[in-house]
Amino acid sequence: MSLAVIKLVSTSKNDVNTIAGQIKDIATTTGIKCKGPVPLPTRRMSQTVRKTPCGDGSHTYEKWELRFHKRLIELDVSEQALRQIMRIPVPDTVQIEISL
């Protein structure tokens, strides 16, 4: 068995948690050791924008924020478990990085 580190990043908190839960379920059914999911700090990107596009009127502003939620999972992976993890249907909002 080898050690695999899986990093999940998404703008949707629910999507990250469901994928992490599915990976954890695979680990428990195959009987491998699993650490995580460890929540990493959420990265926030904020942008301040004028409300009126033409520039006339009052000076009012809106603040838009985009959050990136991250989870880290460490597994002692066998070939069988890794194949099952690769078959998980992943939404477009979630990015997965697997390092062995």
PDB file of N, CA and C in Angstrom:
ATOM      1  N   MET A   1       0.834  -1.185   0.000  1.00  0.00           N
ATOM      2  CA  MET A   1       0.000   0.000   0.000  1.00  0.00           C
ATOM      3  C   MET A   1       0.877   1.246   0.000  1.00  0.00           C
ATOM      4  N   SER A   2       0.391   2.267  -0.676  1.00  0.00           N
ATOM      5  CA  SER A   2       1.110   3.530  -0.718  1.00  0.00           C
ATOM      6  C   SER A   2       0.218   4.636  -0.172  1.00  0.00           C
ATOM      7  N   LEU A   3       0.840   5.735   0.204  1.00  0.00           N
ATOM      8  CA  LEU A   3       0.116   6.870   0.771  1.00  0.00           C
ATOM      9  C   LEU A   3      -0.321   7.797  -0.349  1.00  0.00           C
ATOM     10  N   ALA A   4      -1.584   8.167  -0.360  1.00  0.00           N
ATOM     11  CA  ALA A   4      -2.119   9.099  -1.353  1.00  0.00           C
ATOM     12  C   ALA A   4      -2.732  10.286  -0.620  1.00  0.00           C
ATOM     13  N   VAL A   5      -2.474  11.468  -1.148  1.00  0.00           N
ATOM     14  CA  VAL A   5      -3.043  12.694  -0.598  1.00  0.00           C
ATOM     15  C   VAL A   5      -4.008  13.242  -1.646  1.00  0.00           C
ATOM     16  N   ILE A   6      -5.268  13.427  -1.246  1.00  0.00           N
ATOM     17  CA  ILE A   6      -6.297  13.927  -2.146  1.00  0.00           C
ATOM     18  C   ILE A   6      -6.700  15.316  -1.665  1.00  0.00           C
ATOM     19  N   LYS A   7      -6.612  16.301  -2.564  1.00  0.00           N
ATOM     20  CA  LYS A   7      -6.980  17.674  -2.243  1.00  0.00           C
ATOM     21  C   LYS A   7      -8.192  18.056  -3.091  1.00  0.00           C
ATOM     22  N   LEU A   8      -9.258  18.481  -2.430  1.00  0.00           N
ATOM     23  CA  LEU A   8     -10.488  18.892  -3.108  1.00  0.00           C
ATOM     24  C   LEU A   8     -10.664  20.394  -2.966  1.00  0.00           C
ATOM     25  N   VAL A   9     -10.982  21.082  -4.069  1.00  0.00           N
ATOM     26  CA  VAL A   9     -11.197  22.531  -4.057  1.00  0.00           C
ATOM     27  C   VAL A   9     -12.476  22.814  -4.839  1.00  0.00           C
ATOM     28  N   SER A  10     -13.355  23.669  -4.280  1.00  0.00           N
ATOM     29  CA  SER A  10     -14.589  24.018  -4.960  1.00  0.00           C
ATOM     30  C   SER A  10     -15.139  25.330  -4.426  1.00  0.00           C
ATOM     31  N   THR A  11     -15.998  25.948  -5.246  1.00  0.00           N
ATOM     32  CA  THR A  11     -16.699  27.143  -4.789  1.00  0.00           C
ATOM     33  C   THR A  11     -17.982  26.765  -4.056  1.00  0.00           C
ATOM     34  N   SER A  12     -18.394  25.514  -4.160  1.00  0.00           N
ATOM     35  CA  SER A  12     -19.599  25.025  -3.493  1.00  0.00           C
ATOM     36  C   SER A  12     -19.206  24.133  -2.324  1.00  0.00           C
ATOM     37  N   LYS A  13     -19.622  24.537  -1.140  1.00  0.00           N
ATOM     38  CA  LYS A  13     -19.272  23.789   0.063  1.00  0.00           C
ATOM     39  C   LYS A  13     -19.945  22.417   0.089  1.00  0.00           C
ATOM     40  N   ASN A  14     -21.188  22.340  -0.372  1.00  0.00           N
ATOM     41  CA  ASN A  14     -21.912  21.070  -0.368  1.00  0.00           C
ATOM     42  C   ASN A  14     -21.276  20.057  -1.306  1.00  0.00           C
ATOM     43  N   ASP A  15     -20.827  20.500  -2.486  1.00  0.00           N
ATOM     44  CA  ASP A  15     -20.200  19.587  -3.438  1.00  0.00           C
ATOM     45  C   ASP A  15     -18.912  18.996  -2.875  1.00  0.00           C
ATOM     46  N   VAL A  16     -18.105  19.819  -2.221  1.00  0.00           N
ATOM     47  CA  VAL A  16     -16.850  19.334  -1.634  1.00  0.00           C
ATOM     48  C   VAL A  16     -17.134  18.314  -0.539  1.00  0.00           C
ATOM     49  N   ASN A  17     -18.121  18.598   0.298  1.00  0.00           N
ATOM     50  CA  ASN A  17     -18.428  17.688   1.403  1.00  0.00           C
ATOM     51  C   ASN A  17     -19.003  16.365   0.911  1.00  0.00           C
ATOM     52  N   THR A  18     -19.810  16.375  -0.165  1.00  0.00           N
ATOM     53  CA  THR A  18     -20.357  15.116  -0.673  1.00  0.00           C
ATOM     54  C   THR A  18     -19.272  14.246  -1.298  1.00  0.00           C
ATOM     55  N   ILE A  19     -18.363  14.846  -2.060  1.00  0.00           N
ATOM     56  CA  ILE A  19     -17.271  14.077  -2.658  1.00  0.00           C
ATOM     57  C   ILE A  19     -16.353  13.525  -1.569  1.00  0.00           C
ATOM     58  N   ALA A  20     -16.054  14.338  -0.554  1.00  0.00           N
ATOM     59  CA  ALA A  20     -15.211  13.874   0.555  1.00  0.00           C
ATOM     60  C   ALA A  20     -15.895  12.731   1.309  1.00  0.00           C
ATOM     61  N   GLY A  21     -17.195  12.813   1.481  1.00  0.00           N
ATOM     62  CA  GLY A  21     -17.943  11.740   2.131  1.00  0.00           C
ATOM     63  C   GLY A  21     -17.917  10.451   1.332  1.00  0.00           C
ATOM     64  N   GLN A  22     -18.024  10.558   0.006  1.00  0.00           N
ATOM     65  CA  GLN A  22     -17.962   9.372  -0.844  1.00  0.00           C
ATOM     66  C   GLN A  22     -16.586   8.714  -0.781  1.00  0.00           C
ATOM     67  N   ILE A  23     -15.528   9.525  -0.759  1.00  0.00           N
ATOM     68  CA  ILE A  23     -14.170   8.976  -0.647  1.00  0.00           C
ATOM     69  C   ILE A  23     -13.988   8.281   0.695  1.00  0.00           C
ATOM     70  N   LYS A  24     -14.523   8.873   1.750  1.00  0.00           N
ATOM     71  CA  LYS A  24     -14.405   8.281   3.080  1.00  0.00           C
ATOM     72  C   LYS A  24     -15.194   6.969   3.153  1.00  0.00           C
ATOM     73  N   ASP A  25     -16.355   6.907   2.494  1.00  0.00           N
ATOM     74  CA  ASP A  25     -17.133   5.666   2.465  1.00  0.00           C
ATOM     75  C   ASP A  25     -16.382   4.554   1.735  1.00  0.00           C
ATOM     76  N   ILE A  26     -15.726   4.893   0.637  1.00  0.00           N
ATOM     77  CA  ILE A  26     -14.926   3.906  -0.091  1.00  0.00           C
ATOM     78  C   ILE A  26     -13.798   3.389   0.791  1.00  0.00           C
ATOM     79  N   ALA A  27     -13.175   4.290   1.557  1.00  0.00           N
ATOM     80  CA  ALA A  27     -12.074   3.883   2.440  1.00  0.00           C
ATOM     81  C   ALA A  27     -12.564   2.933   3.525  1.00  0.00           C
ATOM     82  N   THR A  28     -13.731   3.176   4.089  1.00  0.00           N
ATOM     83  CA  THR A  28     -14.234   2.301   5.147  1.00  0.00           C
ATOM     84  C   THR A  28     -14.683   0.956   4.593  1.00  0.00           C
ATOM     85  N   THR A  29     -15.267   0.929   3.385  1.00  0.00           N
ATOM     86  CA  THR A  29     -15.718  -0.348   2.827  1.00  0.00           C
ATOM     87  C   THR A  29     -14.547  -1.228   2.382  1.00  0.00           C
ATOM     88  N   THR A  30     -13.463  -0.611   1.898  1.00  0.00           N
ATOM     89  CA  THR A  30     -12.307  -1.407   1.476  1.00  0.00           C
ATOM     90  C   THR A  30     -11.365  -1.706   2.642  1.00  0.00           C
ATOM     91  N   GLY A  31     -11.563  -1.059   3.775  1.00  0.00           N
ATOM     92  CA  GLY A  31     -10.765  -1.353   4.964  1.00  0.00           C
ATOM     93  C   GLY A  31      -9.394  -0.716   4.972  1.00  0.00           C
ATOM     94  N   ILE A  32      -9.242   0.453   4.369  1.00  0.00           N
ATOM     95  CA  ILE A  32      -7.956   1.150   4.388  1.00  0.00           C
ATOM     96  C   ILE A  32      -8.013   2.302   5.382  1.00  0.00           C
ATOM     97  N   LYS A  33      -6.845   2.731   5.843  1.00  0.00           N
ATOM     98  CA  LYS A  33      -6.766   3.825   6.801  1.00  0.00           C
ATOM     99  C   LYS A  33      -7.033   5.144   6.096  1.00  0.00           C
ATOM    100  N   CYS A  34      -7.791   6.011   6.781  1.00  0.00           N
ATOM    101  CA  CYS A  34      -8.172   7.290   6.189  1.00  0.00           C
ATOM    102  C   CYS A  34      -8.050   8.385   7.244  1.00  0.00           C
ATOM    103  N   LYS A  35      -7.377   9.467   6.898  1.00  0.00           N
ATOM    104  CA  LYS A  35      -7.293  10.647   7.760  1.00  0.00           C
ATOM    105  C   LYS A  35      -7.997  11.786   7.039  1.00  0.00           C
ATOM    106  N   GLY A  36      -9.007  12.323   7.660  1.00  0.00           N
ATOM    107  CA  GLY A  36      -9.686  13.454   7.037  1.00  0.00           C
ATOM    108  C   GLY A  36     -11.152  13.163   6.828  1.00  0.00           C
ATOM    109  N   PRO A  37     -11.831  14.027   6.168  1.00  0.00           N
ATOM    110  CA  PRO A  37     -11.384  15.220   5.457  1.00  0.00           C
ATOM    111  C   PRO A  37     -11.031  16.363   6.412  1.00  0.00           C
ATOM    112  N   VAL A  38      -9.874  16.934   6.201  1.00  0.00           N
ATOM    113  CA  VAL A  38      -9.394  18.055   7.001  1.00  0.00           C
ATOM    114  C   VAL A  38      -9.774  19.347   6.274  1.00  0.00           C
ATOM    115  N   PRO A  39     -10.580  20.213   6.905  1.00  0.00           N
ATOM    116  CA  PRO A  39     -10.913  21.477   6.241  1.00  0.00           C
ATOM    117  C   PRO A  39      -9.733  22.443   6.273  1.00  0.00           C
ATOM    118  N   LEU A  40      -9.290  22.872   5.114  1.00  0.00           N
ATOM    119  CA  LEU A  40      -8.222  23.863   5.002  1.00  0.00           C
ATOM    120  C   LEU A  40      -8.846  25.253   5.008  1.00  0.00           C
ATOM    121  N   PRO A  41      -8.068  26.304   5.252  1.00  0.00           N
ATOM    122  CA  PRO A  41      -8.640  27.656   5.284  1.00  0.00           C
ATOM    123  C   PRO A  41      -9.318  28.028   3.959  1.00  0.00           C
ATOM    124  N   THR A  42     -10.474  28.668   4.089  1.00  0.00           N
ATOM    125  CA  THR A  42     -11.239  29.087   2.916  1.00  0.00           C
ATOM    126  C   THR A  42     -10.621  30.350   2.339  1.00  0.00           C
ATOM    127  N   ARG A  43     -10.369  30.312   1.038  1.00  0.00           N
ATOM    128  CA  ARG A  43      -9.800  31.480   0.356  1.00  0.00           C
ATOM    129  C   ARG A  43     -10.943  32.369  -0.125  1.00  0.00           C
ATOM    130  N   ARG A  44     -10.869  33.641   0.184  1.00  0.00           N
ATOM    131  CA  ARG A  44     -11.925  34.581  -0.200  1.00  0.00           C
ATOM    132  C   ARG A  44     -11.379  35.609  -1.170  1.00  0.00           C
ATOM    133  N   MET A  45     -12.096  35.775  -2.265  1.00  0.00           N
ATOM    134  CA  MET A  45     -11.765  36.819  -3.229  1.00  0.00           C
ATOM    135  C   MET A  45     -12.938  37.794  -3.246  1.00  0.00           C
ATOM    136  N   SER A  46     -12.686  39.075  -2.958  1.00  0.00           N
ATOM    137  CA  SER A  46     -13.764  40.057  -2.955  1.00  0.00           C
ATOM    138  C   SER A  46     -13.487  41.142  -3.982  1.00  0.00           C
ATOM    139  N   GLN A  47     -14.561  41.675  -4.547  1.00  0.00           N
ATOM    140  CA  GLN A  47     -14.469  42.710  -5.561  1.00  0.00           C
ATOM    141  C   GLN A  47     -15.525  43.762  -5.272  1.00  0.00           C
ATOM    142  N   THR A  48     -15.125  45.028  -5.234  1.00  0.00           N
ATOM    143  CA  THR A  48     -16.046  46.134  -5.037  1.00  0.00           C
ATOM    144  C   THR A  48     -16.363  46.751  -6.394  1.00  0.00           C
ATOM    145  N   VAL A  49     -17.670  46.938  -6.663  1.00  0.00           N
ATOM    146  CA  VAL A  49     -18.123  47.385  -7.972  1.00  0.00           C
ATOM    147  C   VAL A  49     -19.151  48.503  -7.794  1.00  0.00           C
ATOM    148  N   ARG A  50     -19.119  49.510  -8.721  1.00  0.00           N
ATOM    149  CA  ARG A  50     -20.151  50.550  -8.715  1.00  0.00           C
ATOM    150  C   ARG A  50     -21.477  49.951  -9.142  1.00  0.00           C
ATOM    151  N   LYS A  51     -22.581  50.425  -8.539  1.00  0.00           N
ATOM    152  CA  LYS A  51     -23.900  49.908  -8.887  1.00  0.00           C
ATOM    153  C   LYS A  51     -24.356  50.395 -10.253  1.00  0.00           C
ATOM    154  N   THR A  52     -24.079  51.661 -10.585  1.00  0.00           N
ATOM    155  CA  THR A  52     -24.529  52.186 -11.868  1.00  0.00           C
ATOM    156  C   THR A  52     -23.439  51.968 -12.916  1.00  0.00           C
ATOM    157  N   PRO A  53     -23.762  51.344 -14.034  1.00  0.00           N
ATOM    158  CA  PRO A  53     -22.733  51.068 -15.033  1.00  0.00           C
ATOM    159  C   PRO A  53     -22.257  52.314 -15.779  1.00  0.00           C
ATOM    160  N   CYS A  54     -23.106  53.345 -15.875  1.00  0.00           N
ATOM    161  CA  CYS A  54     -22.725  54.514 -16.663  1.00  0.00           C
ATOM    162  C   CYS A  54     -21.903  55.517 -15.856  1.00  0.00           C
ATOM    163  N   GLY A  55     -21.940  55.445 -14.542  1.00  0.00           N
ATOM    164  CA  GLY A  55     -21.173  56.366 -13.710  1.00  0.00           C
ATOM    165  C   GLY A  55     -21.962  57.552 -13.218  1.00  0.00           C
ATOM    166  N   ASP A  56     -23.181  57.745 -13.713  1.00  0.00           N
ATOM    167  CA  ASP A  56     -24.029  58.843 -13.241  1.00  0.00           C
ATOM    168  C   ASP A  56     -24.777  58.405 -11.990  1.00  0.00           C
ATOM    169  N   GLY A  57     -25.263  59.387 -11.240  1.00  0.00           N
ATOM    170  CA  GLY A  57     -26.059  59.080 -10.064  1.00  0.00           C
ATOM    171  C   GLY A  57     -25.217  59.071  -8.808  1.00  0.00           C
ATOM    172  N   SER A  58     -25.749  58.424  -7.783  1.00  0.00           N
ATOM    173  CA  SER A  58     -25.074  58.417  -6.483  1.00  0.00           C
ATOM    174  C   SER A  58     -23.880  57.459  -6.521  1.00  0.00           C
ATOM    175  N   HIS A  59     -22.987  57.675  -5.616  1.00  0.00           N
ATOM    176  CA  HIS A  59     -21.790  56.834  -5.517  1.00  0.00           C
ATOM    177  C   HIS A  59     -22.085  55.661  -4.582  1.00  0.00           C
ATOM    178  N   THR A  60     -22.778  54.666  -5.108  1.00  0.00           N
ATOM    179  CA  THR A  60     -23.108  53.483  -4.326  1.00  0.00           C
ATOM    180  C   THR A  60     -22.333  52.288  -4.873  1.00  0.00           C
ATOM    181  N   TYR A  61     -21.951  51.415  -3.987  1.00  0.00           N
ATOM    182  CA  TYR A  61     -21.094  50.285  -4.349  1.00  0.00           C
ATOM    183  C   TYR A  61     -21.704  48.977  -3.869  1.00  0.00           C
ATOM    184  N   GLU A  62     -21.366  47.918  -4.567  1.00  0.00           N
ATOM    185  CA  GLU A  62     -21.710  46.561  -4.155  1.00  0.00           C
ATOM    186  C   GLU A  62     -20.427  45.781  -3.933  1.00  0.00           C
ATOM    187  N   LYS A  63     -20.471  44.829  -2.999  1.00  0.00           N
ATOM    188  CA  LYS A  63     -19.315  43.962  -2.762  1.00  0.00           C
ATOM    189  C   LYS A  63     -19.699  42.538  -3.148  1.00  0.00           C
ATOM    190  N   TRP A  64     -18.898  41.937  -4.028  1.00  0.00           N
ATOM    191  CA  TRP A  64     -19.086  40.566  -4.451  1.00  0.00           C
ATOM    192  C   TRP A  64     -17.956  39.732  -3.873  1.00  0.00           C
ATOM    193  N   GLU A  65     -18.296  38.519  -3.430  1.00  0.00           N
ATOM    194  CA  GLU A  65     -17.295  37.666  -2.812  1.00  0.00           C
ATOM    195  C   GLU A  65     -17.392  36.255  -3.376  1.00  0.00           C
ATOM    196  N   LEU A  66     -16.253  35.659  -3.676  1.00  0.00           N
ATOM    197  CA  LEU A  66     -16.167  34.284  -4.146  1.00  0.00           C
ATOM    198  C   LEU A  66     -15.305  33.516  -3.156  1.00  0.00           C
ATOM    199  N   ARG A  67     -15.835  32.396  -2.672  1.00  0.00           N
ATOM    200  CA  ARG A  67     -15.114  31.591  -1.671  1.00  0.00           C
ATOM    201  C   ARG A  67     -14.699  30.253  -2.267  1.00  0.00           C
ATOM    202  N   PHE A  68     -13.466  29.847  -1.973  1.00  0.00           N
ATOM    203  CA  PHE A  68     -12.937  28.555  -2.402  1.00  0.00           C
ATOM    204  C   PHE A  68     -12.780  27.680  -1.164  1.00  0.00           C
ATOM    205  N   HIS A  69     -13.569  26.613  -1.079  1.00  0.00           N
ATOM    206  CA  HIS A  69     -13.532  25.685   0.043  1.00  0.00           C
ATOM    207  C   HIS A  69     -12.601  24.532  -0.304  1.00  0.00           C
ATOM    208  N   LYS A  70     -11.744  24.147   0.668  1.00  0.00           N
ATOM    209  CA  LYS A  70     -10.734  23.116   0.417  1.00  0.00           C
ATOM    210  C   LYS A  70     -10.815  22.028   1.482  1.00  0.00           C
ATOM    211  N   ARG A  71     -10.599  20.792   1.055  1.00  0.00           N
ATOM    212  CA  ARG A  71     -10.536  19.643   1.965  1.00  0.00           C
ATOM    213  C   ARG A  71      -9.316  18.805   1.601  1.00  0.00           C
ATOM    214  N   LEU A  72      -8.707  18.192   2.607  1.00  0.00           N
ATOM    215  CA  LEU A  72      -7.528  17.357   2.420  1.00  0.00           C
ATOM    216  C   LEU A  72      -7.803  15.987   3.038  1.00  0.00           C
ATOM    217  N   ILE A  73      -7.524  14.931   2.257  1.00  0.00           N
ATOM    218  CA  ILE A  73      -7.750  13.559   2.720  1.00  0.00           C
ATOM    219  C   ILE A  73      -6.472  12.763   2.466  1.00  0.00           C
ATOM    220  N   GLU A  74      -6.017  12.026   3.486  1.00  0.00           N
ATOM    221  CA  GLU A  74      -4.852  11.149   3.353  1.00  0.00           C
ATOM    222  C   GLU A  74      -5.323   9.709   3.456  1.00  0.00           C
ATOM    223  N   LEU A  75      -4.913   8.888   2.487  1.00  0.00           N
ATOM    224  CA  LEU A  75      -5.325   7.491   2.436  1.00  0.00           C
ATOM    225  C   LEU A  75      -4.124   6.579   2.248  1.00  0.00           C
ATOM    226  N   ASP A  76      -4.175   5.377   2.850  1.00  0.00           N
ATOM    227  CA  ASP A  76      -3.256   4.291   2.495  1.00  0.00           C
ATOM    228  C   ASP A  76      -3.962   3.517   1.391  1.00  0.00           C
ATOM    229  N   VAL A  77      -3.592   3.758   0.148  1.00  0.00           N
ATOM    230  CA  VAL A  77      -4.386   3.319  -0.992  1.00  0.00           C
ATOM    231  C   VAL A  77      -3.890   2.001  -1.558  1.00  0.00           C
ATOM    232  N   SER A  78      -4.842   1.137  -1.853  1.00  0.00           N
ATOM    233  CA  SER A  78      -4.581  -0.061  -2.647  1.00  0.00           C
ATOM    234  C   SER A  78      -5.106   0.206  -4.054  1.00  0.00           C
ATOM    235  N   GLU A  79      -4.800  -0.692  -4.981  1.00  0.00           N
ATOM    236  CA  GLU A  79      -5.256  -0.504  -6.364  1.00  0.00           C
ATOM    237  C   GLU A  79      -6.773  -0.521  -6.461  1.00  0.00           C
ATOM    238  N   GLN A  80      -7.410  -1.397  -5.706  1.00  0.00           N
ATOM    239  CA  GLN A  80      -8.859  -1.528  -5.746  1.00  0.00           C
ATOM    240  C   GLN A  80      -9.533  -0.234  -5.274  1.00  0.00           C
ATOM    241  N   ALA A  81      -9.044   0.319  -4.183  1.00  0.00           N
ATOM    242  CA  ALA A  81      -9.640   1.554  -3.655  1.00  0.00           C
ATOM    243  C   ALA A  81      -9.415   2.723  -4.598  1.00  0.00           C
ATOM    244  N   LEU A  82      -8.232   2.795  -5.208  1.00  0.00           N
ATOM    245  CA  LEU A  82      -7.925   3.890  -6.121  1.00  0.00           C
ATOM    246  C   LEU A  82      -8.811   3.823  -7.364  1.00  0.00           C
ATOM    247  N   ARG A  83      -9.092   2.634  -7.854  1.00  0.00           N
ATOM    248  CA  ARG A  83      -9.998   2.490  -8.994  1.00  0.00           C
ATOM    249  C   ARG A  83     -11.401   2.954  -8.656  1.00  0.00           C
ATOM    250  N   GLN A  84     -11.868   2.627  -7.459  1.00  0.00           N
ATOM    251  CA  GLN A  84     -13.201   3.063  -7.041  1.00  0.00           C
ATOM    252  C   GLN A  84     -13.267   4.577  -6.874  1.00  0.00           C
ATOM    253  N   ILE A  85     -12.195   5.167  -6.365  1.00  0.00           N
ATOM    254  CA  ILE A  85     -12.165   6.627  -6.194  1.00  0.00           C
ATOM    255  C   ILE A  85     -12.181   7.323  -7.548  1.00  0.00           C
ATOM    256  N   MET A  86     -11.490   6.751  -8.528  1.00  0.00           N
ATOM    257  CA  MET A  86     -11.454   7.356  -9.863  1.00  0.00           C
ATOM    258  C   MET A  86     -12.813   7.273 -10.568  1.00  0.00           C
ATOM    259  N   ARG A  87     -13.686   6.376 -10.148  1.00  0.00           N
ATOM    260  CA  ARG A  87     -15.003   6.218 -10.771  1.00  0.00           C
ATOM    261  C   ARG A  87     -16.073   7.127 -10.176  1.00  0.00           C
ATOM    262  N   ILE A  88     -15.757   7.891  -9.163  1.00  0.00           N
ATOM    263  CA  ILE A  88     -16.738   8.786  -8.540  1.00  0.00           C
ATOM    264  C   ILE A  88     -17.128   9.871  -9.536  1.00  0.00           C
ATOM    265  N   PRO A  89     -18.429  10.071  -9.760  1.00  0.00           N
ATOM    266  CA  PRO A  89     -18.839  11.174 -10.645  1.00  0.00           C
ATOM    267  C   PRO A  89     -18.606  12.517  -9.951  1.00  0.00           C
ATOM    268  N   VAL A  90     -17.752  13.344 -10.549  1.00  0.00           N
ATOM    269  CA  VAL A  90     -17.356  14.617  -9.946  1.00  0.00           C
ATOM    270  C   VAL A  90     -18.045  15.764 -10.682  1.00  0.00           C
ATOM    271  N   PRO A  91     -18.729  16.674  -9.956  1.00  0.00           N
ATOM    272  CA  PRO A  91     -19.324  17.830 -10.637  1.00  0.00           C
ATOM    273  C   PRO A  91     -18.252  18.779 -11.181  1.00  0.00           C
ATOM    274  N   ASP A  92     -18.667  19.647 -12.094  1.00  0.00           N
ATOM    275  CA  ASP A  92     -17.729  20.573 -12.713  1.00  0.00           C
ATOM    276  C   ASP A  92     -17.163  21.607 -11.731  1.00  0.00           C
ATOM    277  N   THR A  93     -17.845  21.817 -10.614  1.00  0.00           N
ATOM    278  CA  THR A  93     -17.404  22.821  -9.647  1.00  0.00           C
ATOM    279  C   THR A  93     -16.275  22.331  -8.750  1.00  0.00           C
ATOM    280  N   VAL A  94     -15.995  21.028  -8.760  1.00  0.00           N
ATOM    281  CA  VAL A  94     -14.987  20.454  -7.863  1.00  0.00           C
ATOM    282  C   VAL A  94     -13.730  20.092  -8.640  1.00  0.00           C
ATOM    283  N   GLN A  95     -12.579  20.509  -8.108  1.00  0.00           N
ATOM    284  CA  GLN A  95     -11.295  20.122  -8.668  1.00  0.00           C
ATOM    285  C   GLN A  95     -10.627  19.134  -7.709  1.00  0.00           C
ATOM    286  N   ILE A  96     -10.114  18.039  -8.270  1.00  0.00           N
ATOM    287  CA  ILE A  96      -9.464  17.005  -7.457  1.00  0.00           C
ATOM    288  C   ILE A  96      -8.000  16.917  -7.869  1.00  0.00           C
ATOM    289  N   GLU A  97      -7.136  16.894  -6.850  1.00  0.00           N
ATOM    290  CA  GLU A  97      -5.698  16.697  -7.093  1.00  0.00           C
ATOM    291  C   GLU A  97      -5.260  15.508  -6.248  1.00  0.00           C
ATOM    292  N   ILE A  98      -4.775  14.464  -6.921  1.00  0.00           N
ATOM    293  CA  ILE A  98      -4.334  13.246  -6.231  1.00  0.00           C
ATOM    294  C   ILE A  98      -2.835  13.129  -6.400  1.00  0.00           C
ATOM    295  N   SER A  99      -2.116  13.014  -5.281  1.00  0.00           N
ATOM    296  CA  SER A  99      -0.664  12.807  -5.342  1.00  0.00           C
ATOM    297  C   SER A  99      -0.335  11.536  -4.570  1.00  0.00           C
ATOM    298  N   LEU A 100       0.457  10.697  -5.185  1.00  0.00           N
ATOM    299  CA  LEU A 100       0.847   9.413  -4.581  1.00  0.00           C
ATOM    300  C   LEU A 100       2.218   9.499  -3.978  1.00  0.00           C
TER     301      LEU A 100
END
